Amino acid sequence: MTYRVCFVCTGNICRSPMAESVFRARVEEAGLGGTVEVDSAGTGGWHEGDDADPRTVSVLEEHGYDSAHTARRFQPSWFSRLDLVIALDHGHLRALRRLAPTPEDAAKVRLLRSYDPSSVDDLDVPDPYYGGMDGFEECLEMVEAASEGLLAAVREDVEGRVA
C-alpha cells in the first residue's frame, strides 16, 4: 500500500516544490521510494501549469536536488487518497483544514516545521517569493531540518501498516 504525502504552500512555485524535492530525496535515500509517494500543490491556482520559481530551481540544483516541477492547485477531493498533507505555514494550515471534507481529513493536515524539534516558537516557513536568494536558502535549510523528523514519522506510519 502506498503512503501519500502532499506539501502545500500558496502558489506551488517556491516552498512546496522545494519541500517536495527534498523530501522525495530523503524517501529515496531511506529506501522507501516504492512505498511513499510525494507531491505538492498550492492553495491558489495563480501559477497552475508554471514551472517552479527560477530561484527555487537554482537553490535545489545547487544543493543536488531534482528541480523538475509543474505547479497545480490543491483539490479537496485529494484528501481521500492522501495520508498526510503538509502545510508550509499557518495560513495554509487553516485554508487546508477548511477545505477538508471530514474531521478525519482535517486531521491529516500538519505544519512542516512541527517535525523539526529546534523550531518551537515559529512553525512557519517564510515565503521567499518577494525577497532575494537568501530567503530561498533559508527556506531550504528549514525544509531540510524538518524533513528528517517527517521521514521518521512517515516511516513509523508505514511500518505500522505492515505490522
N, C-alpha and C. Protein backbone atom coordinates (compact mmCIF):
# COMPACT_ATOMS: atom_id res chain seq x y z
N MET A 1 0.84 -1.18 0.00
CA MET A 1 0.00 0.00 0.00
C MET A 1 0.88 1.24 0.00
N THR A 2 0.58 2.18 -0.87
CA THR A 2 1.36 3.41 -1.00
C THR A 2 0.92 4.44 0.04
N TYR A 3 1.91 5.08 0.64
CA TYR A 3 1.68 6.16 1.60
C TYR A 3 1.90 7.45 0.84
N ARG A 4 0.92 8.35 0.88
CA ARG A 4 0.98 9.57 0.06
C ARG A 4 1.07 10.84 0.91
N VAL A 5 2.06 11.69 0.56
CA VAL A 5 2.30 12.95 1.25
C VAL A 5 2.24 14.07 0.21
N CYS A 6 1.51 15.14 0.54
CA CYS A 6 1.43 16.30 -0.35
C CYS A 6 1.80 17.56 0.44
N PHE A 7 2.77 18.31 -0.07
CA PHE A 7 3.21 19.57 0.53
C PHE A 7 2.42 20.71 -0.12
N VAL A 8 1.96 21.67 0.70
CA VAL A 8 1.13 22.74 0.18
C VAL A 8 1.60 24.11 0.67
N CYS A 9 1.78 25.04 -0.29
CA CYS A 9 2.03 26.43 0.03
C CYS A 9 1.02 27.26 -0.76
N THR A 10 1.30 28.50 -1.01
CA THR A 10 0.33 29.38 -1.65
C THR A 10 0.20 29.12 -3.15
N GLY A 11 1.29 29.31 -3.89
CA GLY A 11 1.22 29.21 -5.34
C GLY A 11 1.85 27.98 -5.94
N ASN A 12 2.50 27.17 -5.12
CA ASN A 12 3.15 25.95 -5.56
C ASN A 12 4.30 26.20 -6.53
N ILE A 13 5.05 27.30 -6.27
CA ILE A 13 6.23 27.54 -7.11
C ILE A 13 7.50 27.76 -6.28
N CYS A 14 7.38 27.93 -4.96
CA CYS A 14 8.57 28.18 -4.13
C CYS A 14 8.73 27.12 -3.03
N ARG A 15 7.97 27.30 -1.95
CA ARG A 15 8.17 26.47 -0.76
C ARG A 15 7.75 25.02 -0.95
N SER A 16 6.54 24.78 -1.45
CA SER A 16 6.08 23.39 -1.54
C SER A 16 6.85 22.56 -2.56
N PRO A 17 7.24 23.11 -3.73
CA PRO A 17 8.07 22.28 -4.61
C PRO A 17 9.45 22.00 -4.01
N MET A 18 9.95 22.95 -3.22
CA MET A 18 11.23 22.73 -2.56
C MET A 18 11.09 21.60 -1.54
N ALA A 19 10.02 21.65 -0.75
CA ALA A 19 9.79 20.59 0.24
C ALA A 19 9.56 19.25 -0.44
N GLU A 20 8.81 19.25 -1.54
CA GLU A 20 8.57 18.01 -2.28
C GLU A 20 9.88 17.39 -2.75
N SER A 21 10.75 18.20 -3.34
CA SER A 21 12.01 17.70 -3.87
C SER A 21 12.92 17.16 -2.76
N VAL A 22 13.05 17.92 -1.68
CA VAL A 22 13.91 17.50 -0.58
C VAL A 22 13.36 16.23 0.06
N PHE A 23 12.06 16.19 0.32
CA PHE A 23 11.51 15.02 0.99
C PHE A 23 11.56 13.79 0.09
N ARG A 24 11.32 13.97 -1.20
CA ARG A 24 11.43 12.82 -2.11
C ARG A 24 12.84 12.25 -2.07
N ALA A 25 13.85 13.12 -2.02
CA ALA A 25 15.23 12.65 -1.93
C ALA A 25 15.45 11.87 -0.63
N ARG A 26 14.89 12.36 0.48
CA ARG A 26 15.03 11.66 1.77
C ARG A 26 14.35 10.29 1.71
N VAL A 27 13.19 10.25 1.09
CA VAL A 27 12.44 9.00 0.96
C VAL A 27 13.25 7.99 0.14
N GLU A 28 13.84 8.45 -0.95
CA GLU A 28 14.67 7.56 -1.79
C GLU A 28 15.90 7.07 -1.03
N GLU A 29 16.57 8.00 -0.33
CA GLU A 29 17.75 7.64 0.45
C GLU A 29 17.42 6.60 1.51
N ALA A 30 16.20 6.65 2.05
CA ALA A 30 15.76 5.73 3.10
C ALA A 30 15.26 4.39 2.53
N GLY A 31 15.24 4.28 1.21
CA GLY A 31 14.77 3.04 0.58
C GLY A 31 13.26 2.88 0.59
N LEU A 32 12.55 4.00 0.73
CA LEU A 32 11.08 3.95 0.79
C LEU A 32 10.42 4.44 -0.50
N GLY A 33 11.22 4.60 -1.56
CA GLY A 33 10.70 5.14 -2.81
C GLY A 33 9.55 4.36 -3.41
N GLY A 34 9.52 3.07 -3.23
CA GLY A 34 8.42 2.26 -3.76
C GLY A 34 7.20 2.26 -2.86
N THR A 35 7.33 2.84 -1.68
CA THR A 35 6.24 2.82 -0.68
C THR A 35 5.64 4.19 -0.44
N VAL A 36 6.45 5.24 -0.54
CA VAL A 36 6.00 6.60 -0.22
C VAL A 36 6.00 7.45 -1.50
N GLU A 37 4.84 8.05 -1.78
CA GLU A 37 4.69 8.94 -2.93
C GLU A 37 4.63 10.38 -2.41
N VAL A 38 5.38 11.27 -3.07
CA VAL A 38 5.49 12.65 -2.62
C VAL A 38 5.12 13.60 -3.76
N ASP A 39 4.26 14.57 -3.47
CA ASP A 39 3.95 15.60 -4.45
C ASP A 39 3.66 16.92 -3.73
N SER A 40 3.21 17.92 -4.48
CA SER A 40 2.93 19.22 -3.88
C SER A 40 1.84 19.94 -4.66
N ALA A 41 1.31 21.00 -4.05
CA ALA A 41 0.26 21.81 -4.66
C ALA A 41 0.21 23.16 -3.96
N GLY A 42 -0.64 24.04 -4.48
CA GLY A 42 -0.84 25.36 -3.90
C GLY A 42 -2.27 25.55 -3.46
N THR A 43 -2.47 26.44 -2.50
CA THR A 43 -3.84 26.73 -2.07
C THR A 43 -4.58 27.53 -3.13
N GLY A 44 -3.84 28.24 -3.96
CA GLY A 44 -4.44 29.02 -5.03
C GLY A 44 -3.97 28.53 -6.39
N GLY A 45 -4.66 28.94 -7.43
CA GLY A 45 -4.33 28.48 -8.77
C GLY A 45 -3.61 29.48 -9.64
N TRP A 46 -3.05 30.54 -9.04
CA TRP A 46 -2.40 31.60 -9.81
C TRP A 46 -1.31 31.10 -10.73
N HIS A 47 -0.57 30.10 -10.32
CA HIS A 47 0.59 29.64 -11.08
C HIS A 47 0.39 28.26 -11.72
N GLU A 48 -0.83 27.76 -11.73
CA GLU A 48 -1.07 26.43 -12.30
C GLU A 48 -0.44 26.30 -13.68
N GLY A 49 0.30 25.22 -13.87
CA GLY A 49 0.95 24.96 -15.14
C GLY A 49 2.33 25.57 -15.27
N ASP A 50 2.72 26.45 -14.34
CA ASP A 50 4.03 27.08 -14.38
C ASP A 50 5.10 26.17 -13.79
N ASP A 51 6.34 26.41 -14.19
CA ASP A 51 7.47 25.74 -13.56
C ASP A 51 7.70 26.37 -12.19
N ALA A 52 8.56 25.75 -11.41
CA ALA A 52 8.96 26.34 -10.13
C ALA A 52 9.67 27.67 -10.39
N ASP A 53 9.62 28.56 -9.41
CA ASP A 53 10.33 29.83 -9.48
C ASP A 53 11.80 29.54 -9.80
N PRO A 54 12.41 30.29 -10.71
CA PRO A 54 13.82 30.05 -11.07
C PRO A 54 14.77 30.06 -9.87
N ARG A 55 14.44 30.85 -8.86
CA ARG A 55 15.29 30.88 -7.66
C ARG A 55 15.18 29.57 -6.88
N THR A 56 13.98 29.00 -6.86
CA THR A 56 13.80 27.68 -6.22
C THR A 56 14.61 26.64 -6.98
N VAL A 57 14.50 26.67 -8.29
CA VAL A 57 15.24 25.73 -9.14
C VAL A 57 16.73 25.85 -8.90
N SER A 58 17.23 27.09 -8.85
CA SER A 58 18.65 27.33 -8.65
C SER A 58 19.13 26.77 -7.31
N VAL A 59 18.40 27.05 -6.25
CA VAL A 59 18.80 26.57 -4.92
C VAL A 59 18.74 25.05 -4.86
N LEU A 60 17.70 24.46 -5.40
CA LEU A 60 17.58 23.00 -5.39
C LEU A 60 18.75 22.36 -6.15
N GLU A 61 19.00 22.84 -7.35
CA GLU A 61 20.07 22.25 -8.17
C GLU A 61 21.44 22.46 -7.52
N GLU A 62 21.65 23.63 -6.93
CA GLU A 62 22.92 23.92 -6.26
C GLU A 62 23.19 22.93 -5.13
N HIS A 63 22.13 22.43 -4.52
CA HIS A 63 22.28 21.50 -3.40
C HIS A 63 22.03 20.04 -3.79
N GLY A 64 21.97 19.78 -5.09
CA GLY A 64 21.89 18.41 -5.57
C GLY A 64 20.50 17.79 -5.61
N TYR A 65 19.46 18.60 -5.59
CA TYR A 65 18.08 18.09 -5.63
C TYR A 65 17.49 18.23 -7.02
N ASP A 66 16.55 17.36 -7.32
CA ASP A 66 15.78 17.43 -8.56
C ASP A 66 14.93 18.69 -8.53
N SER A 67 14.83 19.37 -9.66
CA SER A 67 14.06 20.62 -9.69
C SER A 67 12.88 20.57 -10.67
N ALA A 68 12.62 19.43 -11.28
CA ALA A 68 11.51 19.33 -12.22
C ALA A 68 10.19 19.53 -11.47
N HIS A 69 9.34 20.44 -11.97
CA HIS A 69 8.09 20.74 -11.26
C HIS A 69 7.13 21.49 -12.16
N THR A 70 5.84 21.19 -12.00
CA THR A 70 4.77 21.95 -12.64
C THR A 70 3.73 22.25 -11.56
N ALA A 71 3.43 23.53 -11.38
CA ALA A 71 2.51 23.96 -10.32
C ALA A 71 1.08 23.50 -10.59
N ARG A 72 0.39 23.22 -9.48
CA ARG A 72 -1.02 22.85 -9.56
C ARG A 72 -1.71 23.30 -8.28
N ARG A 73 -3.03 23.31 -8.32
CA ARG A 73 -3.83 23.74 -7.18
C ARG A 73 -4.36 22.53 -6.43
N PHE A 74 -4.31 22.61 -5.10
CA PHE A 74 -4.81 21.53 -4.26
C PHE A 74 -6.32 21.40 -4.41
N GLN A 75 -6.79 20.18 -4.54
CA GLN A 75 -8.22 19.90 -4.69
C GLN A 75 -8.72 19.15 -3.46
N PRO A 76 -9.86 19.56 -2.88
CA PRO A 76 -10.39 18.89 -1.70
C PRO A 76 -10.61 17.39 -1.91
N SER A 77 -10.90 16.97 -3.13
CA SER A 77 -11.12 15.55 -3.41
C SER A 77 -9.86 14.71 -3.19
N TRP A 78 -8.69 15.35 -3.14
CA TRP A 78 -7.44 14.61 -2.94
C TRP A 78 -7.31 14.06 -1.52
N PHE A 79 -8.02 14.67 -0.56
CA PHE A 79 -7.90 14.21 0.82
C PHE A 79 -8.12 12.71 0.94
N SER A 80 -9.04 12.17 0.19
CA SER A 80 -9.38 10.75 0.33
C SER A 80 -8.22 9.83 -0.04
N ARG A 81 -7.30 10.28 -0.88
CA ARG A 81 -6.18 9.44 -1.28
C ARG A 81 -4.87 9.79 -0.57
N LEU A 82 -4.88 10.88 0.19
CA LEU A 82 -3.65 11.32 0.87
C LEU A 82 -3.62 10.84 2.31
N ASP A 83 -2.42 10.54 2.77
CA ASP A 83 -2.23 10.15 4.17
C ASP A 83 -1.81 11.33 5.02
N LEU A 84 -1.09 12.27 4.41
CA LEU A 84 -0.55 13.41 5.14
C LEU A 84 -0.51 14.60 4.19
N VAL A 85 -1.02 15.74 4.67
CA VAL A 85 -0.99 16.99 3.91
C VAL A 85 -0.15 17.96 4.74
N ILE A 86 0.97 18.37 4.19
CA ILE A 86 1.93 19.18 4.94
C ILE A 86 1.85 20.64 4.50
N ALA A 87 1.38 21.48 5.40
CA ALA A 87 1.28 22.92 5.16
C ALA A 87 2.60 23.59 5.49
N LEU A 88 2.95 24.61 4.71
CA LEU A 88 4.21 25.31 4.95
C LEU A 88 4.08 26.48 5.91
N ASP A 89 2.85 26.96 6.15
CA ASP A 89 2.66 27.98 7.19
C ASP A 89 1.24 27.89 7.74
N HIS A 90 0.98 28.67 8.78
CA HIS A 90 -0.33 28.62 9.46
C HIS A 90 -1.49 29.01 8.54
N GLY A 91 -1.26 29.94 7.62
CA GLY A 91 -2.31 30.32 6.67
C GLY A 91 -2.72 29.14 5.80
N HIS A 92 -1.75 28.37 5.35
CA HIS A 92 -2.04 27.18 4.55
C HIS A 92 -2.75 26.14 5.41
N LEU A 93 -2.30 26.00 6.64
CA LEU A 93 -2.92 25.04 7.57
C LEU A 93 -4.41 25.34 7.72
N ARG A 94 -4.74 26.60 7.98
CA ARG A 94 -6.15 26.99 8.14
C ARG A 94 -6.94 26.77 6.85
N ALA A 95 -6.37 27.17 5.72
CA ALA A 95 -7.07 27.01 4.44
C ALA A 95 -7.33 25.54 4.13
N LEU A 96 -6.34 24.70 4.37
CA LEU A 96 -6.50 23.27 4.09
C LEU A 96 -7.51 22.61 5.02
N ARG A 97 -7.47 22.99 6.28
CA ARG A 97 -8.44 22.40 7.21
C ARG A 97 -9.86 22.84 6.87
N ARG A 98 -10.03 24.06 6.35
CA ARG A 98 -11.36 24.50 5.90
C ARG A 98 -11.82 23.70 4.68
N LEU A 99 -10.88 23.34 3.82
CA LEU A 99 -11.20 22.57 2.61
C LEU A 99 -11.53 21.10 2.91
N ALA A 100 -11.04 20.61 4.03
CA ALA A 100 -11.19 19.18 4.35
C ALA A 100 -12.66 18.80 4.47
N PRO A 101 -13.08 17.76 3.75
CA PRO A 101 -14.48 17.35 3.77
C PRO A 101 -14.93 16.72 5.09
N THR A 102 -13.98 16.17 5.86
CA THR A 102 -14.33 15.49 7.11
C THR A 102 -13.33 15.87 8.20
N PRO A 103 -13.69 15.68 9.47
CA PRO A 103 -12.72 15.92 10.54
C PRO A 103 -11.48 15.01 10.41
N GLU A 104 -11.67 13.80 9.91
CA GLU A 104 -10.53 12.89 9.71
C GLU A 104 -9.56 13.46 8.67
N ASP A 105 -10.13 14.06 7.62
CA ASP A 105 -9.27 14.68 6.60
C ASP A 105 -8.55 15.89 7.17
N ALA A 106 -9.24 16.70 7.96
CA ALA A 106 -8.62 17.87 8.58
C ALA A 106 -7.46 17.45 9.48
N ALA A 107 -7.58 16.31 10.11
CA ALA A 107 -6.52 15.82 11.00
C ALA A 107 -5.27 15.38 10.24
N LYS A 108 -5.37 15.20 8.94
CA LYS A 108 -4.22 14.82 8.11
C LYS A 108 -3.30 16.02 7.85
N VAL A 109 -3.77 17.23 8.12
CA VAL A 109 -3.02 18.45 7.80
C VAL A 109 -2.11 18.81 8.97
N ARG A 110 -0.82 18.95 8.68
CA ARG A 110 0.18 19.28 9.69
C ARG A 110 1.12 20.34 9.16
N LEU A 111 1.74 21.06 10.05
CA LEU A 111 2.77 22.04 9.67
C LEU A 111 4.12 21.35 9.51
N LEU A 112 4.83 21.66 8.44
CA LEU A 112 6.12 21.03 8.19
C LEU A 112 7.08 21.21 9.35
N ARG A 113 7.20 22.42 9.86
CA ARG A 113 8.20 22.67 10.89
C ARG A 113 7.83 22.05 12.24
N SER A 114 6.64 21.51 12.37
CA SER A 114 6.30 20.80 13.60
C SER A 114 7.13 19.51 13.71
N TYR A 115 7.76 19.11 12.63
CA TYR A 115 8.63 17.93 12.63
C TYR A 115 10.09 18.28 12.90
N ASP A 116 10.38 19.55 13.15
CA ASP A 116 11.73 20.00 13.46
C ASP A 116 11.77 20.38 14.94
N PRO A 117 12.41 19.56 15.78
CA PRO A 117 12.42 19.84 17.22
C PRO A 117 13.08 21.17 17.59
N SER A 118 13.87 21.74 16.71
CA SER A 118 14.53 23.01 17.03
C SER A 118 13.63 24.22 16.75
N SER A 119 12.48 24.03 16.13
CA SER A 119 11.60 25.16 15.80
C SER A 119 10.37 25.15 16.70
N VAL A 120 10.56 25.56 17.93
CA VAL A 120 9.48 25.52 18.90
C VAL A 120 8.59 26.76 18.89
N ASP A 121 9.14 27.92 18.56
CA ASP A 121 8.37 29.16 18.63
C ASP A 121 7.67 29.53 17.34
N ASP A 122 8.33 29.38 16.21
CA ASP A 122 7.76 29.78 14.93
C ASP A 122 7.76 28.60 13.98
N LEU A 123 6.58 28.11 13.68
CA LEU A 123 6.47 26.92 12.83
C LEU A 123 6.22 27.24 11.36
N ASP A 124 6.22 28.52 11.00
CA ASP A 124 6.02 28.90 9.60
C ASP A 124 7.33 28.88 8.83
N VAL A 125 7.27 28.44 7.58
CA VAL A 125 8.38 28.61 6.65
C VAL A 125 8.06 29.90 5.90
N PRO A 126 8.85 30.97 6.10
CA PRO A 126 8.54 32.25 5.46
C PRO A 126 8.54 32.14 3.93
N ASP A 127 7.66 32.90 3.31
CA ASP A 127 7.56 32.92 1.85
C ASP A 127 8.73 33.71 1.28
N PRO A 128 9.61 33.08 0.49
CA PRO A 128 10.77 33.79 -0.04
C PRO A 128 10.48 34.57 -1.33
N TYR A 129 9.29 34.45 -1.87
CA TYR A 129 8.96 34.95 -3.20
C TYR A 129 9.33 36.42 -3.43
N TYR A 130 9.05 37.29 -2.48
CA TYR A 130 9.28 38.72 -2.67
C TYR A 130 10.65 39.19 -2.20
N GLY A 131 11.51 38.26 -1.84
CA GLY A 131 12.84 38.62 -1.37
C GLY A 131 13.93 38.14 -2.31
N GLY A 132 15.13 38.10 -1.78
CA GLY A 132 16.28 37.68 -2.56
C GLY A 132 16.62 36.21 -2.36
N MET A 133 17.75 35.83 -2.90
CA MET A 133 18.18 34.43 -2.84
C MET A 133 18.38 33.93 -1.41
N ASP A 134 18.74 34.83 -0.49
CA ASP A 134 18.95 34.39 0.89
C ASP A 134 17.68 33.79 1.48
N GLY A 135 16.51 34.29 1.10
CA GLY A 135 15.25 33.74 1.58
C GLY A 135 15.02 32.33 1.06
N PHE A 136 15.46 32.05 -0.14
CA PHE A 136 15.32 30.71 -0.71
C PHE A 136 16.29 29.74 -0.03
N GLU A 137 17.48 30.23 0.28
CA GLU A 137 18.45 29.40 1.02
C GLU A 137 17.91 29.08 2.42
N GLU A 138 17.36 30.10 3.08
CA GLU A 138 16.78 29.90 4.41
C GLU A 138 15.62 28.90 4.35
N CYS A 139 14.80 29.02 3.33
CA CYS A 139 13.68 28.10 3.13
C CYS A 139 14.21 26.66 3.01
N LEU A 140 15.23 26.47 2.21
CA LEU A 140 15.81 25.13 2.04
C LEU A 140 16.33 24.59 3.37
N GLU A 141 17.00 25.44 4.14
CA GLU A 141 17.52 24.99 5.45
C GLU A 141 16.38 24.52 6.36
N MET A 142 15.29 25.27 6.38
CA MET A 142 14.14 24.89 7.22
C MET A 142 13.51 23.59 6.74
N VAL A 143 13.39 23.46 5.44
CA VAL A 143 12.80 22.25 4.85
C VAL A 143 13.68 21.04 5.17
N GLU A 144 14.98 21.18 4.99
CA GLU A 144 15.89 20.07 5.28
C GLU A 144 15.83 19.68 6.76
N ALA A 145 15.81 20.67 7.64
CA ALA A 145 15.78 20.39 9.08
C ALA A 145 14.51 19.64 9.48
N ALA A 146 13.39 19.98 8.89
CA ALA A 146 12.12 19.32 9.23
C ALA A 146 11.97 17.97 8.54
N SER A 147 12.65 17.78 7.43
CA SER A 147 12.48 16.54 6.65
C SER A 147 12.91 15.29 7.40
N GLU A 148 13.91 15.41 8.25
CA GLU A 148 14.37 14.24 9.00
C GLU A 148 13.28 13.75 9.96
N GLY A 149 12.69 14.67 10.70
CA GLY A 149 11.61 14.31 11.62
C GLY A 149 10.38 13.81 10.89
N LEU A 150 10.06 14.44 9.76
CA LEU A 150 8.92 13.99 8.96
C LEU A 150 9.17 12.59 8.43
N LEU A 151 10.38 12.33 7.96
CA LEU A 151 10.70 10.99 7.47
C LEU A 151 10.54 9.95 8.57
N ALA A 152 10.98 10.27 9.77
CA ALA A 152 10.83 9.33 10.89
C ALA A 152 9.35 9.05 11.17
N ALA A 153 8.52 10.08 11.13
CA ALA A 153 7.08 9.91 11.37
C ALA A 153 6.43 9.09 10.26
N VAL A 154 6.80 9.36 9.03
CA VAL A 154 6.23 8.61 7.90
C VAL A 154 6.69 7.16 7.96
N ARG A 155 7.97 6.94 8.25
CA ARG A 155 8.47 5.57 8.36
C ARG A 155 7.70 4.80 9.44
N GLU A 156 7.45 5.44 10.57
CA GLU A 156 6.70 4.81 11.65
C GLU A 156 5.28 4.45 11.18
N ASP A 157 4.62 5.36 10.48
CA ASP A 157 3.28 5.09 9.96
C ASP A 157 3.30 3.94 8.95
N VAL A 158 4.28 3.96 8.06
CA VAL A 158 4.38 2.91 7.04
C VAL A 158 4.63 1.56 7.70
N GLU A 159 5.56 1.52 8.65
CA GLU A 159 5.86 0.25 9.33
C GLU A 159 4.66 -0.21 10.16
N GLY A 160 3.89 0.72 10.71
CA GLY A 160 2.70 0.37 11.48
C GLY A 160 1.63 -0.28 10.62
N ARG A 161 1.59 0.09 9.36
CA ARG A 161 0.62 -0.51 8.44
C ARG A 161 0.98 -1.94 8.08
N VAL A 162 2.29 -2.18 8.01
CA VAL A 162 2.78 -3.50 7.61
C VAL A 162 2.67 -4.49 8.78
N ALA A 163 2.85 -4.00 9.99
CA ALA A 163 2.85 -4.88 11.17
C ALA A 163 1.51 -5.52 11.44
